[in-house]
Amino acid sequence: MSIASVEAQKQLDRIVALGYPDVADMSAAAFRSLARPLIEALEQSDLGSNILLVPTRELVSPESLIARTSINRMAGFTTMPPRDIASFLPQDGFEPPEGPFYLVVDPHTGTCYINREPDVARKLIDSDDRLPLTLEEGLAIATQHPEWLLEKNGFNLLGSRSADGRVPSIWMSQNAPRLGAVWPNSRHTWLGNAYCMARRGISLFL
């Protein structure tokens, strides 16, 4: 097994333990079987451990996922209604690869873009040949690496946006992960703008 396949399996085990199969309305075995082709393909990959295994919203809707994150036994939360959360859709060019699961390569909380307005940060990320993360990918960071919110920073997710222009954000509030949203012309000293270097679906490994 490769470093990447071991890491992806570890992340799959975590989200199964957190009840993602229940959200997807299927058994744990059926849920695992959907990830198996991608994890098996990774056995021939030279990717390292800095990856995220991300289920698409067609498999797991994002509305309830923040509540399944936690830091020091403090569960994540949001004050946004489910309809609001569901309205944050991937922007053109940042749609997930096909398949129930895909990988994000080299994710980062965007510390170098901290305290930047989302619209400004988006241009900087583009000029640096990086890809802004989506809502689903940010939830994957908060799920797999909640300590990053403490050790690094909270972050905007510029790859997703609602119809009114807001972008989703995840940060620490009341000692727990919080999902919220900001306007594209606002800046916050505690928010970076998260990015990755690539997205890869199963088709890229076959």
Protein backbone atom coordinates (compact mmCIF):
# COMPACT_ATOMS: atom_id res chain seq x y z
CA MET A 1 0.00 0.00 0.00
CA SER A 2 1.17 3.52 -0.75
CA ILE A 3 1.36 6.46 1.65
CA ALA A 4 -1.63 8.03 -0.08
CA SER A 5 -3.81 4.90 0.02
CA VAL A 6 -3.08 4.42 3.73
CA GLU A 7 -4.01 8.04 4.43
CA ALA A 8 -7.20 7.84 2.35
CA GLN A 9 -8.23 4.65 4.17
CA LYS A 10 -7.60 6.34 7.51
CA GLN A 11 -9.79 9.27 6.48
CA LEU A 12 -12.52 6.93 5.26
CA ASP A 13 -12.47 5.12 8.60
CA ARG A 14 -12.89 8.44 10.38
CA ILE A 15 -15.93 9.63 8.45
CA VAL A 16 -17.56 6.20 8.74
CA ALA A 17 -17.05 6.39 12.52
CA LEU A 18 -18.60 9.87 12.50
CA GLY A 19 -21.79 8.56 10.91
CA TYR A 20 -21.44 9.65 7.29
CA PRO A 21 -23.13 6.44 6.05
CA ASP A 22 -26.22 7.46 8.04
CA VAL A 23 -26.20 10.86 6.31
CA ALA A 24 -25.92 9.06 2.96
CA ASP A 25 -28.75 6.71 4.01
CA MET A 26 -26.78 3.53 3.42
CA SER A 27 -24.90 0.87 5.33
CA ALA A 28 -21.28 1.38 6.34
CA ALA A 29 -20.27 -1.47 4.03
CA ALA A 30 -22.03 0.10 1.05
CA PHE A 31 -20.50 3.48 1.85
CA ARG A 32 -17.01 1.97 2.04
CA SER A 33 -17.49 0.15 -1.25
CA LEU A 34 -18.03 3.47 -3.04
CA ALA A 35 -14.58 4.68 -1.92
CA ARG A 36 -12.79 1.41 -2.63
CA PRO A 37 -11.97 2.01 -6.34
CA LEU A 38 -10.31 5.35 -5.59
CA ILE A 39 -8.35 4.00 -2.63
CA GLU A 40 -7.20 0.98 -4.62
CA ALA A 41 -6.11 3.23 -7.48
CA LEU A 42 -4.01 5.21 -5.00
CA GLU A 43 -1.89 2.14 -4.30
CA GLN A 44 -0.02 2.91 -7.53
CA SER A 45 0.21 6.64 -6.81
CA ASP A 46 3.21 8.65 -5.66
CA LEU A 47 1.05 11.15 -3.79
CA GLY A 48 1.99 11.64 -0.15
CA SER A 49 -0.19 11.99 2.91
CA ASN A 50 -1.18 15.64 2.36
CA ILE A 51 -4.50 14.79 0.73
CA LEU A 52 -8.18 14.99 1.59
CA LEU A 53 -10.73 12.30 0.79
CA VAL A 54 -13.89 14.26 -0.06
CA PRO A 55 -17.37 12.82 -0.54
CA THR A 56 -19.45 14.78 -3.04
CA ARG A 57 -22.70 16.44 -1.96
CA GLU A 58 -24.61 13.96 -4.12
CA LEU A 59 -23.46 11.30 -1.65
CA VAL A 60 -23.40 13.30 1.58
CA SER A 61 -25.28 16.59 1.80
CA PRO A 62 -23.22 19.25 3.58
CA GLU A 63 -25.94 20.70 5.82
CA SER A 64 -25.32 18.47 8.85
CA LEU A 65 -21.59 17.85 8.54
CA ILE A 66 -20.26 20.70 10.69
CA ALA A 67 -22.01 19.12 13.69
CA ARG A 68 -19.89 16.00 13.16
CA THR A 69 -16.64 17.91 13.62
CA SER A 70 -15.17 18.56 17.06
CA ILE A 71 -12.18 19.94 18.92
CA ASN A 72 -11.49 18.84 22.48
CA ARG A 73 -14.96 17.25 22.57
CA MET A 74 -16.61 20.53 21.58
CA ALA A 75 -18.89 19.80 18.63
CA GLY A 76 -18.92 22.06 15.60
CA PHE A 77 -21.97 24.22 14.98
CA THR A 78 -23.61 26.78 12.74
CA THR A 79 -26.36 29.35 13.12
CA MET A 80 -27.27 29.12 9.44
CA PRO A 81 -30.42 27.20 8.42
CA PRO A 82 -29.90 24.07 6.27
CA ARG A 83 -31.31 25.80 3.19
CA ASP A 84 -28.66 28.51 3.54
CA ILE A 85 -25.85 25.96 3.75
CA ALA A 86 -27.14 24.04 0.73
CA SER A 87 -27.11 27.26 -1.31
CA PHE A 88 -23.30 27.46 -1.34
CA LEU A 89 -22.51 25.83 -4.66
CA PRO A 90 -19.15 25.23 -6.38
CA GLN A 91 -18.26 28.02 -8.79
CA ASP A 92 -17.43 27.46 -12.44
CA GLY A 93 -14.09 25.73 -12.76
CA PHE A 94 -14.12 24.36 -9.22
CA GLU A 95 -16.70 21.62 -9.59
CA PRO A 96 -15.66 18.29 -8.07
CA PRO A 97 -14.46 15.47 -10.32
CA GLU A 98 -17.00 12.77 -11.16
CA GLY A 99 -17.59 10.01 -8.65
CA PRO A 100 -18.89 9.70 -5.12
CA PHE A 101 -15.41 10.46 -3.73
CA TYR A 102 -12.44 12.45 -4.97
CA LEU A 103 -9.12 13.75 -3.65
CA VAL A 104 -7.88 17.22 -2.83
CA VAL A 105 -4.10 17.46 -3.16
CA ASP A 106 -2.02 19.66 -0.86
CA PRO A 107 -4.85 21.45 0.97
CA HIS A 108 -4.00 24.53 3.03
CA THR A 109 -5.92 26.94 5.24
CA GLY A 110 -4.53 29.88 3.27
CA THR A 111 -2.48 31.54 5.98
CA CYS A 112 -0.64 33.56 3.35
CA TYR A 113 -3.96 35.13 2.32
CA ILE A 114 -5.13 35.97 5.83
CA ASN A 115 -7.07 39.21 6.39
CA ARG A 116 -7.73 39.58 2.66
CA GLU A 117 -11.13 40.32 1.18
CA PRO A 118 -12.43 37.18 -0.57
CA ASP A 119 -12.56 38.88 -3.96
CA VAL A 120 -8.97 40.10 -3.57
CA ALA A 121 -7.78 36.73 -2.25
CA ARG A 122 -9.41 34.95 -5.18
CA LYS A 123 -7.30 36.95 -7.64
CA LEU A 124 -4.14 36.24 -5.63
CA ILE A 125 -4.90 32.52 -5.49
CA ASP A 126 -5.50 32.48 -9.24
CA SER A 127 -2.22 34.31 -9.92
CA ASP A 128 -0.36 31.80 -7.73
CA ASP A 129 -1.78 28.89 -9.78
CA ARG A 130 -3.69 27.54 -6.81
CA LEU A 131 -7.32 26.46 -6.49
CA PRO A 132 -9.72 27.85 -3.87
CA LEU A 133 -11.45 25.23 -1.76
CA THR A 134 -15.19 24.61 -1.82
CA LEU A 135 -17.60 24.20 1.09
CA GLU A 136 -17.35 20.40 0.96
CA GLU A 137 -13.55 20.56 0.96
CA GLY A 138 -13.45 22.95 3.90
CA LEU A 139 -15.73 20.63 5.85
CA ALA A 140 -13.29 17.82 5.04
CA ILE A 141 -10.44 19.85 6.59
CA ALA A 142 -12.51 20.55 9.71
CA THR A 143 -13.36 16.85 9.93
CA GLN A 144 -9.95 15.33 9.24
CA HIS A 145 -7.70 18.08 10.63
CA PRO A 146 -9.69 20.11 13.17
CA GLU A 147 -6.42 21.02 14.91
CA TRP A 148 -5.55 23.20 11.91
CA LEU A 149 -8.20 25.64 13.11
CA LEU A 150 -6.17 26.05 16.30
CA GLU A 151 -2.64 25.72 14.97
CA LYS A 152 -3.14 27.71 11.75
CA ASN A 153 -6.27 29.76 11.14
CA GLY A 154 -9.92 29.78 10.16
CA PHE A 155 -10.61 30.14 6.46
CA ASN A 156 -12.93 31.28 3.72
CA LEU A 157 -13.93 28.79 1.03
CA LEU A 158 -13.85 30.82 -2.16
CA GLY A 159 -14.60 27.89 -4.46
CA SER A 160 -18.25 28.06 -3.31
CA ARG A 161 -20.66 30.97 -3.30
CA SER A 162 -24.35 31.57 -2.68
CA ALA A 163 -26.67 33.39 -5.05
CA ASP A 164 -26.40 36.55 -2.93
CA GLY A 165 -22.60 36.56 -3.23
CA ARG A 166 -21.59 35.29 0.20
CA VAL A 167 -18.81 32.72 0.62
CA PRO A 168 -18.77 30.04 3.35
CA SER A 169 -16.20 30.18 6.14
CA ILE A 170 -15.06 27.94 9.00
CA TRP A 171 -13.38 29.27 12.12
CA MET A 172 -13.11 28.75 15.86
CA SER A 173 -15.94 30.19 17.96
CA GLN A 174 -16.86 29.31 21.55
CA ASN A 175 -13.97 26.79 21.51
CA ALA A 176 -15.53 24.83 18.64
CA PRO A 177 -15.51 24.80 14.83
CA ARG A 178 -18.17 27.11 13.40
CA LEU A 179 -19.57 27.27 9.88
CA GLY A 180 -20.64 30.72 8.77
CA ALA A 181 -20.40 33.04 5.79
CA VAL A 182 -18.85 36.36 4.83
CA TRP A 183 -19.44 38.95 2.15
CA PRO A 184 -16.91 39.05 -0.71
CA ASN A 185 -15.70 42.57 0.17
CA SER A 186 -15.18 41.94 3.90
CA ARG A 187 -11.92 41.12 5.64
CA HIS A 188 -11.27 39.38 8.95
CA THR A 189 -7.97 39.13 10.79
CA TRP A 190 -8.65 35.50 11.77
CA LEU A 191 -9.63 34.18 8.33
CA GLY A 192 -7.30 32.94 5.65
CA ASN A 193 -8.53 31.85 2.24
CA ALA A 194 -8.14 28.11 1.81
CA TYR A 195 -6.69 26.53 -1.32
CA CYS A 196 -5.25 23.36 -2.79
CA MET A 197 -2.98 22.46 -5.70
CA ALA A 198 -5.23 19.93 -7.47
CA ARG A 199 -8.41 17.86 -7.43
CA ARG A 200 -8.27 14.28 -8.64
CA GLY A 201 -11.07 11.86 -9.34
CA ILE A 202 -10.83 8.16 -10.04
CA SER A 203 -10.52 8.75 -13.82
CA LEU A 204 -7.12 10.39 -13.36
CA PHE A 205 -5.69 7.27 -11.77
CA LEU A 206 -6.92 4.74 -14.33
